[in-house]
């Protein structure tokens, strides 16, 4: 996954990413907001009444994205350990699926 999409932190501060959740599959709240915006734009282009991507409340979407507002403190440590220990990574992934 491109690094701009992968959630990366340092000392529980987001450095980049955050469009996909920690499982790297599902969008975050902001990611879903981007999908909704593009969907509404396509519906507006198709002439669907009331489809207006500008009506999305981005400040509200951002404030409700808990991954961005309060990144997990241990995420840096988990990724570092996972990169050095494939067995740990496999164990973590088994909890997410």
N, C-alpha and C. Protein backbone atom coordinates (compact mmCIF):
# COMPACT_ATOMS: atom_id res chain seq x y z
N UNK A 1 0.85 -1.18 0.00
CA UNK A 1 0.00 0.00 0.00
C UNK A 1 0.89 1.24 0.00
N UNK A 2 0.58 2.22 -0.80
CA UNK A 2 1.41 3.44 -0.82
C UNK A 2 1.51 4.07 0.57
N UNK A 3 2.66 4.65 0.88
CA UNK A 3 2.89 5.21 2.21
C UNK A 3 1.96 6.38 2.52
N UNK A 4 1.41 7.04 1.51
CA UNK A 4 0.50 8.14 1.81
C UNK A 4 -0.84 7.63 2.32
N UNK A 5 -1.14 6.36 2.07
CA UNK A 5 -2.39 5.79 2.55
C UNK A 5 -2.21 5.05 3.87
N UNK A 6 -1.04 4.44 4.05
CA UNK A 6 -0.78 3.66 5.26
C UNK A 6 -0.63 4.60 6.45
N UNK A 7 -1.30 4.26 7.51
CA UNK A 7 -1.26 5.07 8.73
C UNK A 7 0.11 4.94 9.37
N UNK A 8 0.81 6.06 9.51
CA UNK A 8 2.14 6.09 10.11
C UNK A 8 2.15 7.12 11.22
N UNK A 9 2.69 6.73 12.36
CA UNK A 9 2.77 7.64 13.50
C UNK A 9 4.18 7.67 14.06
N UNK A 10 4.40 8.65 14.90
CA UNK A 10 5.61 8.73 15.71
C UNK A 10 5.21 9.39 17.02
N UNK A 11 5.44 8.70 18.12
CA UNK A 11 5.03 9.19 19.45
C UNK A 11 3.55 9.56 19.47
N UNK A 12 2.72 8.67 18.91
CA UNK A 12 1.26 8.83 18.88
C UNK A 12 0.79 10.08 18.15
N UNK A 13 1.61 10.55 17.20
CA UNK A 13 1.23 11.68 16.35
C UNK A 13 1.24 11.19 14.91
N UNK A 14 0.15 11.45 14.19
CA UNK A 14 0.05 11.00 12.81
C UNK A 14 1.06 11.74 11.95
N UNK A 15 1.84 11.00 11.18
CA UNK A 15 2.80 11.60 10.25
C UNK A 15 2.25 11.62 8.84
N UNK A 16 1.57 10.54 8.45
CA UNK A 16 0.99 10.45 7.11
C UNK A 16 -0.06 9.35 7.12
N UNK A 17 -0.80 9.31 6.03
CA UNK A 17 -1.81 8.27 5.90
C UNK A 17 -3.04 8.60 6.72
N UNK A 18 -3.79 7.57 6.99
CA UNK A 18 -5.01 7.75 7.77
C UNK A 18 -6.26 7.66 6.91
N UNK A 19 -6.10 7.30 5.63
CA UNK A 19 -7.28 7.11 4.79
C UNK A 19 -7.82 5.69 4.94
N UNK A 20 -6.94 4.78 5.39
CA UNK A 20 -7.36 3.41 5.66
C UNK A 20 -7.10 3.10 7.12
N UNK A 21 -7.95 2.24 7.68
CA UNK A 21 -7.85 1.90 9.09
C UNK A 21 -6.60 1.05 9.35
N UNK A 22 -6.41 0.65 10.58
CA UNK A 22 -5.21 -0.08 10.95
C UNK A 22 -5.10 -1.43 10.26
N UNK A 23 -6.23 -1.97 9.79
CA UNK A 23 -6.16 -3.25 9.07
C UNK A 23 -5.74 -3.06 7.61
N UNK A 24 -5.56 -1.81 7.18
CA UNK A 24 -5.12 -1.46 5.83
C UNK A 24 -6.11 -1.90 4.76
N UNK A 25 -7.34 -2.17 5.15
CA UNK A 25 -8.37 -2.59 4.21
C UNK A 25 -9.55 -1.64 4.22
N UNK A 26 -10.07 -1.37 5.39
CA UNK A 26 -11.26 -0.54 5.52
C UNK A 26 -10.90 0.94 5.63
N UNK A 27 -11.69 1.81 5.01
CA UNK A 27 -11.42 3.24 5.13
C UNK A 27 -11.63 3.74 6.56
N UNK A 28 -10.96 4.83 6.88
CA UNK A 28 -11.24 5.53 8.14
C UNK A 28 -12.47 6.40 7.91
N UNK A 29 -12.88 7.13 8.91
CA UNK A 29 -14.01 8.05 8.76
C UNK A 29 -13.72 9.06 7.66
N UNK A 30 -12.50 9.58 7.63
CA UNK A 30 -12.12 10.53 6.57
C UNK A 30 -12.12 9.82 5.22
N UNK A 31 -11.64 8.59 5.16
CA UNK A 31 -11.66 7.83 3.93
C UNK A 31 -13.08 7.63 3.41
N UNK A 32 -14.01 7.31 4.33
CA UNK A 32 -15.41 7.18 3.93
C UNK A 32 -15.97 8.52 3.46
N UNK A 33 -15.52 9.60 4.08
CA UNK A 33 -15.97 10.92 3.65
C UNK A 33 -15.53 11.21 2.22
N UNK A 34 -14.30 10.83 1.87
CA UNK A 34 -13.82 11.03 0.50
C UNK A 34 -14.61 10.19 -0.49
N UNK A 35 -14.94 8.96 -0.09
CA UNK A 35 -15.75 8.10 -0.95
C UNK A 35 -17.13 8.73 -1.14
N UNK A 36 -17.73 9.22 -0.05
CA UNK A 36 -19.04 9.86 -0.13
C UNK A 36 -19.00 11.08 -1.03
N UNK A 37 -17.93 11.86 -0.92
CA UNK A 37 -17.81 13.06 -1.74
C UNK A 37 -17.76 12.71 -3.23
N UNK A 38 -16.97 11.72 -3.58
CA UNK A 38 -16.87 11.30 -4.98
C UNK A 38 -18.19 10.70 -5.46
N UNK A 39 -18.86 9.93 -4.62
CA UNK A 39 -20.15 9.36 -4.98
C UNK A 39 -21.17 10.47 -5.25
N UNK A 40 -21.22 11.43 -4.34
CA UNK A 40 -22.16 12.54 -4.52
C UNK A 40 -21.83 13.36 -5.77
N UNK A 41 -20.54 13.52 -6.05
CA UNK A 41 -20.13 14.25 -7.26
C UNK A 41 -20.62 13.51 -8.51
N UNK A 42 -20.47 12.19 -8.51
CA UNK A 42 -20.94 11.40 -9.65
C UNK A 42 -22.45 11.46 -9.78
N UNK A 43 -23.16 11.41 -8.65
CA UNK A 43 -24.62 11.49 -8.68
C UNK A 43 -25.08 12.88 -9.17
N UNK A 44 -24.36 13.91 -8.75
CA UNK A 44 -24.67 15.27 -9.19
C UNK A 44 -24.47 15.39 -10.70
N UNK A 45 -23.39 14.85 -11.20
CA UNK A 45 -23.12 14.86 -12.64
C UNK A 45 -24.21 14.12 -13.40
N UNK A 46 -24.74 13.07 -12.78
CA UNK A 46 -25.81 12.28 -13.42
C UNK A 46 -27.17 12.96 -13.30
N UNK A 47 -27.22 14.09 -12.60
CA UNK A 47 -28.46 14.85 -12.49
C UNK A 47 -29.37 14.45 -11.35
N UNK A 48 -28.83 13.73 -10.36
CA UNK A 48 -29.64 13.32 -9.21
C UNK A 48 -29.88 14.54 -8.31
N UNK A 49 -31.15 14.83 -8.07
CA UNK A 49 -31.52 15.99 -7.25
C UNK A 49 -31.01 15.80 -5.82
N UNK A 50 -30.47 16.85 -5.25
CA UNK A 50 -30.01 16.84 -3.86
C UNK A 50 -28.61 16.27 -3.66
N UNK A 51 -28.01 15.73 -4.71
CA UNK A 51 -26.65 15.18 -4.60
C UNK A 51 -25.66 16.33 -4.68
N UNK A 52 -25.15 16.75 -3.53
CA UNK A 52 -24.25 17.90 -3.49
C UNK A 52 -23.06 17.58 -2.59
N UNK A 53 -21.89 17.31 -3.18
CA UNK A 53 -20.72 16.97 -2.37
C UNK A 53 -20.28 18.11 -1.46
N UNK A 54 -20.66 19.33 -1.76
CA UNK A 54 -20.28 20.47 -0.92
C UNK A 54 -21.06 20.52 0.39
N UNK A 55 -22.10 19.71 0.52
CA UNK A 55 -22.89 19.69 1.75
C UNK A 55 -22.26 18.82 2.83
N UNK A 56 -21.21 18.08 2.50
CA UNK A 56 -20.55 17.27 3.52
C UNK A 56 -19.91 18.19 4.55
N UNK A 57 -20.08 17.86 5.80
CA UNK A 57 -19.55 18.65 6.91
C UNK A 57 -18.15 18.13 7.28
N UNK A 58 -17.13 18.60 6.55
CA UNK A 58 -15.79 18.08 6.76
C UNK A 58 -15.25 18.31 8.17
N UNK A 59 -15.46 19.46 8.79
CA UNK A 59 -14.99 19.59 10.17
C UNK A 59 -15.59 18.51 11.09
N UNK A 60 -16.86 18.19 10.88
CA UNK A 60 -17.51 17.15 11.69
C UNK A 60 -16.95 15.77 11.36
N UNK A 61 -16.72 15.51 10.09
CA UNK A 61 -16.15 14.22 9.69
C UNK A 61 -14.77 14.05 10.32
N UNK A 62 -13.95 15.07 10.24
CA UNK A 62 -12.59 14.99 10.78
C UNK A 62 -12.60 14.81 12.30
N UNK A 63 -13.46 15.55 12.99
CA UNK A 63 -13.49 15.46 14.46
C UNK A 63 -13.97 14.09 14.93
N UNK A 64 -14.73 13.39 14.08
CA UNK A 64 -15.23 12.07 14.46
C UNK A 64 -14.33 10.92 13.99
N UNK A 65 -13.22 11.24 13.38
CA UNK A 65 -12.28 10.21 12.97
C UNK A 65 -11.33 9.95 14.14
N UNK A 66 -11.66 8.94 14.93
CA UNK A 66 -10.90 8.68 16.16
C UNK A 66 -9.46 8.25 15.87
N UNK A 67 -9.21 7.65 14.72
CA UNK A 67 -7.84 7.26 14.39
C UNK A 67 -6.95 8.48 14.21
N UNK A 68 -7.51 9.53 13.65
CA UNK A 68 -6.75 10.77 13.46
C UNK A 68 -6.71 11.59 14.75
N UNK A 69 -7.82 11.66 15.45
CA UNK A 69 -7.90 12.48 16.66
C UNK A 69 -7.14 11.90 17.84
N UNK A 70 -7.09 10.57 17.93
CA UNK A 70 -6.41 9.92 19.06
C UNK A 70 -5.72 8.66 18.57
N UNK A 71 -4.61 8.80 17.84
CA UNK A 71 -3.92 7.62 17.33
C UNK A 71 -3.50 6.69 18.47
N UNK A 72 -3.51 5.39 18.23
CA UNK A 72 -3.11 4.46 19.29
C UNK A 72 -1.66 4.70 19.70
N UNK A 73 -1.44 4.81 20.97
CA UNK A 73 -0.12 5.12 21.51
C UNK A 73 0.90 4.04 21.15
N UNK A 74 0.49 2.79 21.17
CA UNK A 74 1.43 1.70 20.94
C UNK A 74 1.62 1.34 19.46
N UNK A 75 0.95 2.04 18.55
CA UNK A 75 1.01 1.66 17.14
C UNK A 75 2.45 1.65 16.61
N UNK A 76 3.26 2.64 16.97
CA UNK A 76 4.67 2.66 16.52
C UNK A 76 5.39 1.40 16.98
N UNK A 77 5.21 1.05 18.25
CA UNK A 77 5.88 -0.12 18.80
C UNK A 77 5.41 -1.41 18.15
N UNK A 78 4.12 -1.50 17.86
CA UNK A 78 3.57 -2.69 17.22
C UNK A 78 4.16 -2.85 15.82
N UNK A 79 4.20 -1.79 15.05
CA UNK A 79 4.76 -1.87 13.69
C UNK A 79 6.24 -2.22 13.71
N UNK A 80 7.00 -1.62 14.62
CA UNK A 80 8.43 -1.91 14.71
C UNK A 80 8.65 -3.37 15.05
N UNK A 81 7.92 -3.86 16.04
CA UNK A 81 8.05 -5.27 16.43
C UNK A 81 7.61 -6.19 15.28
N UNK A 82 6.55 -5.83 14.60
CA UNK A 82 6.04 -6.65 13.51
C UNK A 82 7.03 -6.73 12.36
N UNK A 83 7.69 -5.63 12.08
CA UNK A 83 8.67 -5.63 11.00
C UNK A 83 9.86 -6.52 11.32
N UNK A 84 10.13 -6.69 12.60
CA UNK A 84 11.27 -7.51 13.01
C UNK A 84 10.88 -8.94 13.36
N UNK A 85 9.60 -9.20 13.42
CA UNK A 85 9.17 -10.52 13.85
C UNK A 85 7.92 -10.93 13.08
N UNK A 86 8.10 -11.69 12.04
CA UNK A 86 6.97 -12.09 11.19
C UNK A 86 5.94 -12.89 11.97
N UNK A 87 6.35 -13.68 12.94
CA UNK A 87 5.40 -14.47 13.72
C UNK A 87 4.46 -13.56 14.51
N UNK A 88 4.99 -12.48 15.06
CA UNK A 88 4.15 -11.53 15.78
C UNK A 88 3.14 -10.90 14.82
N UNK A 89 3.59 -10.54 13.63
CA UNK A 89 2.70 -9.95 12.63
C UNK A 89 1.57 -10.91 12.27
N UNK A 90 1.90 -12.19 12.06
CA UNK A 90 0.88 -13.19 11.75
C UNK A 90 -0.13 -13.31 12.89
N UNK A 91 0.35 -13.24 14.11
CA UNK A 91 -0.54 -13.32 15.28
C UNK A 91 -1.47 -12.11 15.33
N UNK A 92 -0.93 -10.92 15.13
CA UNK A 92 -1.75 -9.71 15.13
C UNK A 92 -2.80 -9.75 14.02
N UNK A 93 -2.40 -10.19 12.85
CA UNK A 93 -3.36 -10.27 11.74
C UNK A 93 -4.47 -11.27 12.02
N UNK A 94 -4.16 -12.35 12.74
CA UNK A 94 -5.21 -13.34 13.04
C UNK A 94 -6.28 -12.74 13.95
N UNK A 95 -5.94 -11.75 14.76
CA UNK A 95 -6.93 -11.10 15.62
C UNK A 95 -7.81 -10.15 14.82
N UNK A 96 -7.31 -9.64 13.70
CA UNK A 96 -8.04 -8.67 12.90
C UNK A 96 -8.95 -9.33 11.87
N UNK A 97 -8.78 -10.62 11.65
CA UNK A 97 -9.61 -11.29 10.64
C UNK A 97 -10.56 -12.27 11.26
